[in-house]
Amino acid sequence: MKKILIKADNIKGINYLLKEQGLKGKIDLIYIDPPFATGNNFTITDGRASTISNSRNGDIAYSDKLIGNNFINFLRKRLILLKELLSERGSIYLHIDYKVGHYVKILMDEVFGIENFRNDITRIKCNPKNFNRIGYGNIKDLILFYSKGSNPIWHEPRDKYTEEDVQRLFPKTDKFGRKYTTVPIHAPGETENGQSNEPFNGIKPPKGRHWRTGVKTLKEWDEKGLIEWSTTGNPRKIIYADEQRGKRIQDIWEFKDPPYPSYPTEKNLDLLGLIIKTSSNKDSIVLDCFCGSGTTLLAAQINRRKWIGIDNSVHAIKSTKKKLNGIKVDLFNKVDYDYIDMEDVEQTNATGIIEIQDHVKTENINIKSS
């Protein structure tokens, strides 16, 4: 499947993917950054995007006029269709703000099942502001992460240890100068049978506990010098700093918005890269049906994923094309994507399915790829 950029209302675009492209159950990752029910318009003036509502000047990049139940119903229709596109190992990340996020959380519980809720990720979006208002400064929004089922694609993300992390987490140093720490080799709970309760070097696990692994493995660790024995004869496993992948990423992320965005909703490229690398494979299709400036598509391209973007804004499509065409690679590595402008479509049947009545304009474009 080629990469696809679609100019359309995303209900029409999603149904096109379901009916005409046969992508039901084929999308491994969906990231969306829908409107936040602000009740405002967002503009672009002289090529400069306004991230704060400004409907008096410039061209409207997108309208965010739906609020309340209208907004929730707007989002529900799209989430139901997006679930149809998700593969059984697929995930969806929905970016939203603090004002409506709790309502959207309930909606996503309804559509995807509360058992498939994975995280409410806090994203620090900007530096502290000193607005004079009653209330604390808002520097964060949130990302709701759900999976389609119980076994989603997951590549454990890690942050590299800083020097401060190494000194704090690995306070000991061996004779070769390697930093390390030690951890217990036993865990809570007693076992009656099996190696986890057998003596190791003549000692049994403490009362109420069992060995974390079989005695055979403990002996192998000891022979390799990976067991440290205290002066009182207590064994602990040695963990070296230089053998660790890094620290586990938590649910507070600091990925600040670009200071001079080309589009009002432009997001941090590293933020999208983290999501894509964590929740998709190299052969996965990544979908963003509110693609805005195209950062999701760019991140997917950089990380060698297939991608589909949908947006109805002329400014969004223009920004996305510019971003994709700016990818720098050698002269021999190019990728095709289809640009589809769906003009002649209408809703025709009672189920709300969009039927394509006339034609779909398709344009093959060569762009440089990473």
Protein backbone atom coordinates (compact mmCIF):
# COMPACT_ATOMS: atom_id res chain seq x y z
CA MET A 1 0.00 0.00 0.00
CA LYS A 2 1.24 3.48 -0.88
CA LYS A 3 1.16 6.39 1.48
CA ILE A 4 -1.99 8.47 1.07
CA LEU A 5 -2.85 12.11 1.74
CA ILE A 6 -6.59 12.82 1.45
CA LYS A 7 -8.30 16.20 1.31
CA ALA A 8 -11.78 15.57 2.66
CA ASP A 9 -14.04 15.76 5.65
CA ASN A 10 -12.64 12.93 7.70
CA ILE A 11 -15.95 11.03 7.89
CA LYS A 12 -15.81 10.78 4.10
CA GLY A 13 -12.12 9.98 4.16
CA ILE A 14 -12.47 7.24 6.78
CA ASN A 15 -15.35 5.61 4.91
CA TYR A 16 -13.29 5.76 1.73
CA LEU A 17 -10.55 3.82 3.52
CA LEU A 18 -13.07 1.27 4.80
CA LYS A 19 -15.07 0.78 1.60
CA GLU A 20 -12.75 1.58 -1.29
CA GLN A 21 -9.31 0.75 0.15
CA GLY A 22 -10.40 -2.30 2.16
CA LEU A 23 -8.50 -1.21 5.25
CA LYS A 24 -10.92 -2.49 7.88
CA GLY A 25 -8.79 -4.00 10.65
CA LYS A 26 -5.53 -3.02 8.90
CA ILE A 27 -4.40 0.12 10.74
CA ASP A 28 -1.95 -0.51 13.62
CA LEU A 29 -1.75 3.01 14.99
CA ILE A 30 -4.03 6.05 14.99
CA TYR A 31 -2.99 9.42 16.38
CA ILE A 32 -5.50 12.26 16.29
CA ASP A 33 -5.43 15.83 17.53
CA PRO A 34 -9.07 16.89 17.02
CA PRO A 35 -10.55 20.33 17.77
CA PHE A 36 -10.79 21.07 21.50
CA ALA A 37 -14.33 22.52 21.54
CA THR A 38 -13.05 26.06 22.09
CA GLY A 39 -15.89 27.66 20.10
CA ASN A 40 -13.39 29.69 18.08
CA ASN A 41 -11.66 29.90 14.70
CA PHE A 42 -7.91 29.64 14.22
CA THR A 43 -6.12 31.62 11.54
CA ILE A 44 -2.99 31.98 9.45
CA THR A 45 -1.78 35.52 8.73
CA ASP A 46 1.08 36.17 6.30
CA GLY A 47 2.22 32.57 6.68
CA ARG A 48 2.23 32.77 10.49
CA ALA A 49 -0.14 30.52 12.44
CA SER A 50 -2.11 31.79 15.40
CA THR A 51 -2.27 29.26 18.23
CA ILE A 52 -4.67 31.53 20.10
CA SER A 53 -8.05 32.10 18.47
CA ASN A 54 -8.01 35.02 16.03
CA SER A 55 -10.94 35.15 13.61
CA ARG A 56 -10.61 38.85 12.74
CA ASN A 57 -7.37 38.66 10.78
CA GLY A 58 -5.95 36.29 8.24
CA ASP A 59 -7.36 33.15 6.67
CA ILE A 60 -9.21 30.60 8.75
CA ALA A 61 -7.02 27.49 9.05
CA TYR A 62 -9.72 25.52 10.82
CA SER A 63 -12.95 26.17 12.68
CA ASP A 64 -13.52 24.89 16.20
CA LYS A 65 -17.12 25.99 16.67
CA LEU A 66 -18.63 22.72 17.88
CA ILE A 67 -19.10 22.64 21.65
CA GLY A 68 -20.98 20.60 24.25
CA ASN A 69 -23.05 17.64 23.03
CA ASN A 70 -22.48 18.62 19.40
CA PHE A 71 -18.74 18.23 19.87
CA ILE A 72 -19.08 14.88 21.67
CA ASN A 73 -21.39 13.54 18.95
CA PHE A 74 -19.00 14.79 16.27
CA LEU A 75 -16.15 12.90 17.92
CA ARG A 76 -18.18 9.76 18.70
CA LYS A 77 -19.08 9.22 15.02
CA ARG A 78 -15.43 9.36 14.05
CA LEU A 79 -14.17 7.17 16.88
CA ILE A 80 -16.67 4.43 16.03
CA LEU A 81 -15.40 4.36 12.44
CA LEU A 82 -11.76 4.56 13.52
CA LYS A 83 -12.25 1.50 15.71
CA GLU A 84 -13.31 -0.39 12.57
CA LEU A 85 -10.00 0.54 10.92
CA LEU A 86 -7.85 -0.54 13.88
CA SER A 87 -6.17 -3.93 13.75
CA GLU A 88 -6.57 -6.34 16.67
CA ARG A 89 -3.12 -5.23 17.87
CA GLY A 90 -3.79 -1.59 17.10
CA SER A 91 -3.74 1.46 19.38
CA ILE A 92 -5.19 4.96 19.30
CA TYR A 93 -3.74 8.09 20.90
CA LEU A 94 -6.10 11.06 21.18
CA HIS A 95 -4.64 14.48 22.01
CA ILE A 96 -7.02 16.79 23.87
CA ASP A 97 -6.97 19.59 26.47
CA TYR A 98 -7.88 19.81 30.14
CA LYS A 99 -11.26 21.49 29.56
CA VAL A 100 -12.93 18.61 27.68
CA GLY A 101 -10.53 15.74 28.25
CA HIS A 102 -12.60 14.15 31.04
CA TYR A 103 -15.67 14.04 28.79
CA VAL A 104 -13.64 12.52 25.97
CA LYS A 105 -12.21 9.91 28.37
CA ILE A 106 -15.76 8.68 29.12
CA LEU A 107 -16.52 8.64 25.39
CA MET A 108 -13.44 6.55 24.63
CA ASP A 109 -14.32 4.16 27.46
CA GLU A 110 -17.66 3.71 25.71
CA VAL A 111 -16.20 3.12 22.23
CA PHE A 112 -13.02 1.16 23.00
CA GLY A 113 -13.88 -0.35 26.39
CA ILE A 114 -12.55 0.77 29.74
CA GLU A 115 -10.53 -2.45 29.91
CA ASN A 116 -8.51 -1.20 26.92
CA PHE A 117 -7.58 2.12 28.54
CA ARG A 118 -3.79 2.24 28.84
CA ASN A 119 -2.75 5.75 29.87
CA ASP A 120 -3.77 9.31 30.49
CA ILE A 121 -0.51 11.01 29.48
CA THR A 122 0.19 14.53 30.68
CA ARG A 123 2.05 16.54 28.04
CA ILE A 124 3.88 19.71 29.09
CA LYS A 125 3.27 21.92 26.07
CA CYS A 126 4.88 25.28 26.87
CA ASN A 127 6.86 27.37 29.31
CA PRO A 128 5.04 28.86 32.32
CA LYS A 129 2.79 31.82 31.49
CA ASN A 130 1.99 34.81 33.68
CA PHE A 131 -1.55 35.57 32.54
CA ASN A 132 -3.53 37.58 35.09
CA ARG A 133 -6.53 35.35 35.80
CA ILE A 134 -8.21 33.47 38.60
CA GLY A 135 -6.71 30.00 38.31
CA TYR A 136 -3.34 28.30 38.00
CA GLY A 137 -1.30 28.62 34.84
CA ASN A 138 -1.99 25.95 32.22
CA ILE A 139 1.15 24.44 30.71
CA LYS A 140 -0.16 20.96 29.89
CA ASP A 141 -2.67 19.04 27.87
CA LEU A 142 -3.29 15.29 27.74
CA ILE A 143 -3.11 12.28 25.47
CA LEU A 144 -5.55 9.41 25.95
CA PHE A 145 -4.03 6.07 24.95
CA TYR A 146 -6.29 3.06 24.24
CA SER A 147 -5.71 -0.27 22.52
CA LYS A 148 -8.14 -2.27 20.39
CA GLY A 149 -7.53 -5.43 22.43
CA SER A 150 -5.45 -7.00 25.17
CA ASN A 151 -2.26 -7.56 23.16
CA PRO A 152 -1.30 -4.32 21.40
CA ILE A 153 1.97 -3.70 19.59
CA TRP A 154 4.37 -2.43 22.24
CA HIS A 155 8.07 -1.62 21.99
CA GLU A 156 9.09 -0.55 25.48
CA PRO A 157 10.37 3.05 25.29
CA ARG A 158 13.33 4.07 27.40
CA ASP A 159 15.10 7.32 28.26
CA LYS A 160 18.88 7.32 28.45
CA TYR A 161 20.31 7.73 31.92
CA THR A 162 21.83 11.11 32.68
CA GLU A 163 25.06 11.34 34.66
CA GLU A 164 22.95 12.33 37.66
CA ASP A 165 20.75 9.26 37.15
CA VAL A 166 23.79 6.97 37.07
CA GLN A 167 25.22 8.43 40.27
CA ARG A 168 21.86 8.16 42.04
CA LEU A 169 20.65 4.78 40.77
CA PHE A 170 24.00 2.98 40.57
CA PRO A 171 25.91 4.22 43.64
CA LYS A 172 28.48 1.41 43.81
CA THR A 173 31.70 1.03 41.79
CA ASP A 174 33.54 -2.26 41.17
CA LYS A 175 37.32 -2.73 40.92
CA PHE A 176 37.19 -1.99 37.18
CA GLY A 177 35.41 1.34 37.69
CA ARG A 178 31.98 0.12 36.51
CA LYS A 179 28.97 1.67 38.23
CA TYR A 180 26.42 -0.78 39.61
CA THR A 181 23.68 -1.42 42.12
CA THR A 182 22.25 -4.59 43.66
CA VAL A 183 18.72 -5.95 43.90
CA PRO A 184 17.19 -8.78 45.94
CA ILE A 185 17.13 -12.23 44.34
CA HIS A 186 14.01 -13.24 46.28
CA ALA A 187 10.39 -12.10 46.02
CA PRO A 188 7.27 -12.21 48.22
CA GLY A 189 5.37 -15.49 48.46
CA GLU A 190 6.33 -19.00 49.43
CA THR A 191 6.38 -22.00 47.06
CA GLU A 192 6.23 -25.64 48.06
CA ASN A 193 7.56 -27.26 44.90
CA GLY A 194 10.10 -26.33 42.24
CA GLN A 195 13.55 -24.76 42.26
CA SER A 196 12.38 -21.39 43.59
CA ASN A 197 12.28 -22.86 47.12
CA GLU A 198 15.43 -25.00 47.02
CA PRO A 199 18.62 -24.10 48.91
CA PHE A 200 21.13 -21.87 47.10
CA ASN A 201 24.70 -22.21 48.37
CA GLY A 202 23.31 -23.81 51.49
CA ILE A 203 20.70 -21.17 52.28
CA LYS A 204 16.95 -21.06 51.61
CA PRO A 205 14.96 -17.94 50.76
CA PRO A 206 13.72 -15.93 53.77
CA LYS A 207 10.49 -16.99 55.39
CA GLY A 208 7.48 -15.98 53.31
CA ARG A 209 9.55 -15.50 50.13
CA HIS A 210 10.92 -17.47 47.16
CA TRP A 211 13.87 -17.13 44.75
CA ARG A 212 13.08 -14.95 41.73
CA THR A 213 14.58 -17.56 39.43
CA GLY A 214 15.69 -21.19 39.55
CA VAL A 215 18.66 -22.22 41.65
CA LYS A 216 20.54 -23.30 38.50
CA THR A 217 20.42 -19.72 37.20
CA LEU A 218 21.45 -18.33 40.60
CA LYS A 219 24.51 -20.57 40.55
CA GLU A 220 25.39 -19.42 37.03
CA TRP A 221 25.15 -15.79 38.15
CA ASP A 222 27.36 -16.53 41.13
CA GLU A 223 30.00 -18.21 38.96
CA LYS A 224 30.05 -15.14 36.68
CA GLY A 225 30.52 -12.80 39.63
CA LEU A 226 27.02 -11.35 39.34
CA ILE A 227 26.01 -12.13 42.93
CA GLU A 228 27.24 -9.85 45.69
CA TRP A 229 27.35 -11.40 49.16
CA SER A 230 27.00 -9.14 52.17
CA THR A 231 29.08 -9.58 55.33
CA THR A 232 26.07 -11.37 56.83
CA GLY A 233 25.82 -13.80 53.91
CA ASN A 234 22.87 -12.17 52.13
CA PRO A 235 23.04 -12.60 48.30
CA ARG A 236 21.96 -9.81 45.92
CA LYS A 237 22.06 -9.57 42.11
CA ILE A 238 24.51 -7.07 40.58
CA ILE A 239 23.04 -4.72 37.97
CA TYR A 240 25.56 -2.72 35.89
CA ALA A 241 24.64 0.75 34.62
CA ASP A 242 26.35 0.27 31.25
CA GLU A 243 24.23 -2.82 30.50
CA GLN A 244 20.88 -1.08 30.96
CA ARG A 245 18.77 0.39 28.12
CA GLY A 246 17.78 3.36 30.23
CA LYS A 247 14.95 4.34 32.51
CA ARG A 248 11.33 3.50 31.79
CA ILE A 249 9.35 6.41 30.38
CA GLN A 250 6.59 7.59 32.70
CA ASP A 251 3.24 9.26 31.94
CA ILE A 252 4.39 12.89 32.15
CA TRP A 253 6.05 14.02 28.90
CA GLU A 254 7.77 17.30 28.15
CA PHE A 255 7.45 17.90 24.42
CA LYS A 256 6.86 21.59 23.91
CA ASP A 257 5.06 22.97 20.87
CA PRO A 258 7.12 24.62 18.09
CA PRO A 259 7.61 28.33 18.92
CA TYR A 260 6.76 29.42 15.35
CA PRO A 261 4.25 26.90 14.00
CA SER A 262 3.27 26.72 10.34
CA TYR A 263 -0.21 25.61 11.37
CA PRO A 264 -2.18 26.31 14.60
CA THR A 265 -2.16 22.70 15.83
CA GLU A 266 1.43 21.83 14.90
CA LYS A 267 2.89 19.36 17.39
CA ASN A 268 6.40 18.37 18.45
CA LEU A 269 8.07 15.93 16.02
CA ASP A 270 9.79 14.00 18.82
CA LEU A 271 6.43 13.49 20.57
CA LEU A 272 5.01 11.79 17.46
CA GLY A 273 8.22 9.84 16.94
CA LEU A 274 7.98 8.36 20.43
CA ILE A 275 4.36 7.28 19.91
CA ILE A 276 5.06 5.78 16.49
CA LYS A 277 8.17 3.85 17.56
CA THR A 278 6.40 2.52 20.66
CA SER A 279 3.04 1.45 19.23
CA SER A 280 3.74 0.39 15.64
CA ASN A 281 6.02 -1.87 13.63
CA LYS A 282 8.11 -1.13 10.57
CA ASP A 283 5.39 -2.55 8.29
CA SER A 284 2.51 -0.83 10.13
CA ILE A 285 0.10 1.74 8.73
CA VAL A 286 -0.19 4.94 10.80
CA LEU A 287 -3.32 7.08 10.39
CA ASP A 288 -3.98 10.70 11.35
CA CYS A 289 -7.43 11.86 10.21
CA PHE A 290 -6.95 15.36 11.68
CA CYS A 291 -3.49 15.65 10.17
CA GLY A 292 -3.14 19.45 10.37
CA SER A 293 0.45 20.40 9.56
CA GLY A 294 1.39 16.78 8.81
CA THR A 295 3.80 16.15 11.69
CA THR A 296 2.39 12.64 12.26
CA LEU A 297 2.99 11.77 8.62
CA LEU A 298 6.51 13.19 8.74
CA ALA A 299 7.32 11.19 11.89
CA ALA A 300 5.89 8.04 10.32
CA GLN A 301 7.97 8.60 7.16
CA ILE A 302 11.16 9.20 9.16
CA ASN A 303 10.53 5.98 11.10
CA ARG A 304 9.79 4.02 7.91
CA ARG A 305 6.11 3.38 8.50
CA LYS A 306 3.30 3.54 5.98
CA TRP A 307 0.97 6.45 6.61
CA ILE A 308 -2.41 7.97 5.77
CA GLY A 309 -3.37 11.58 6.47
CA ILE A 310 -6.79 13.21 6.14
CA ASP A 311 -7.71 16.88 6.47
CA ASN A 312 -10.28 19.20 4.92
CA SER A 313 -8.33 22.43 5.35
CA VAL A 314 -6.54 23.90 2.33
CA HIS A 315 -3.93 25.34 4.68
CA ALA A 316 -3.41 21.97 6.39
CA ILE A 317 -2.89 20.18 3.06
CA LYS A 318 -0.49 22.91 1.91
CA SER A 319 1.50 22.70 5.17
CA THR A 320 1.59 18.89 5.04
CA LYS A 321 2.83 18.78 1.45
CA LYS A 322 5.54 21.32 2.24
CA LYS A 323 6.66 19.30 5.25
CA LEU A 324 6.76 16.00 3.34
CA ASN A 325 8.62 17.52 0.40
CA GLY A 326 11.22 18.91 2.79
CA ILE A 327 12.48 15.47 3.85
CA LYS A 328 16.20 15.29 3.06
CA VAL A 329 17.61 12.06 1.63
CA ASP A 330 19.94 10.96 -1.13
CA LEU A 331 18.90 11.22 -4.77
CA PHE A 332 18.20 7.50 -5.09
CA ASN A 333 15.74 7.07 -2.25
CA LYS A 334 12.30 8.37 -3.15
CA VAL A 335 8.79 7.35 -2.15
CA ASP A 336 5.44 7.74 -3.89
CA TYR A 337 2.31 8.89 -2.15
CA ASP A 338 -1.18 9.36 -3.52
CA TYR A 339 -2.86 12.73 -3.06
CA ILE A 340 -6.65 12.34 -3.18
CA ASP A 341 -9.04 15.31 -3.34
CA MET A 342 -12.51 13.96 -2.64
CA GLU A 343 -14.87 16.61 -3.99
CA ASP A 344 -17.92 14.79 -5.28
CA VAL A 345 -19.20 12.79 -2.35
CA GLU A 346 -22.42 12.78 -0.40
CA GLN A 347 -24.17 10.90 2.34
CA THR A 348 -26.86 8.68 0.85
CA ASN A 349 -28.02 5.89 3.07
CA ALA A 350 -29.68 5.68 6.45
CA THR A 351 -26.69 4.07 8.14
CA GLY A 352 -24.61 7.16 7.58
CA ILE A 353 -22.13 5.45 5.26
CA ILE A 354 -20.60 7.80 2.71
CA GLU A 355 -21.00 6.65 -0.88
CA ILE A 356 -18.52 7.93 -3.47
CA GLN A 357 -20.79 9.17 -6.25
CA ASP A 358 -18.45 10.44 -8.92
CA HIS A 359 -14.71 10.36 -9.01
CA VAL A 360 -11.66 10.57 -6.81
CA LYS A 361 -8.84 12.71 -8.13
CA THR A 362 -5.52 10.92 -7.63
CA GLU A 363 -2.16 12.54 -8.06
CA ASN A 364 1.09 10.56 -7.78
CA ILE A 365 3.83 12.63 -6.23
CA ASN A 366 7.47 11.70 -5.76
CA ILE A 367 8.98 13.02 -2.57
CA LYS A 368 12.31 12.50 -0.90
CA SER A 369 12.25 9.99 1.93
CA SER A 370 14.47 9.34 4.88
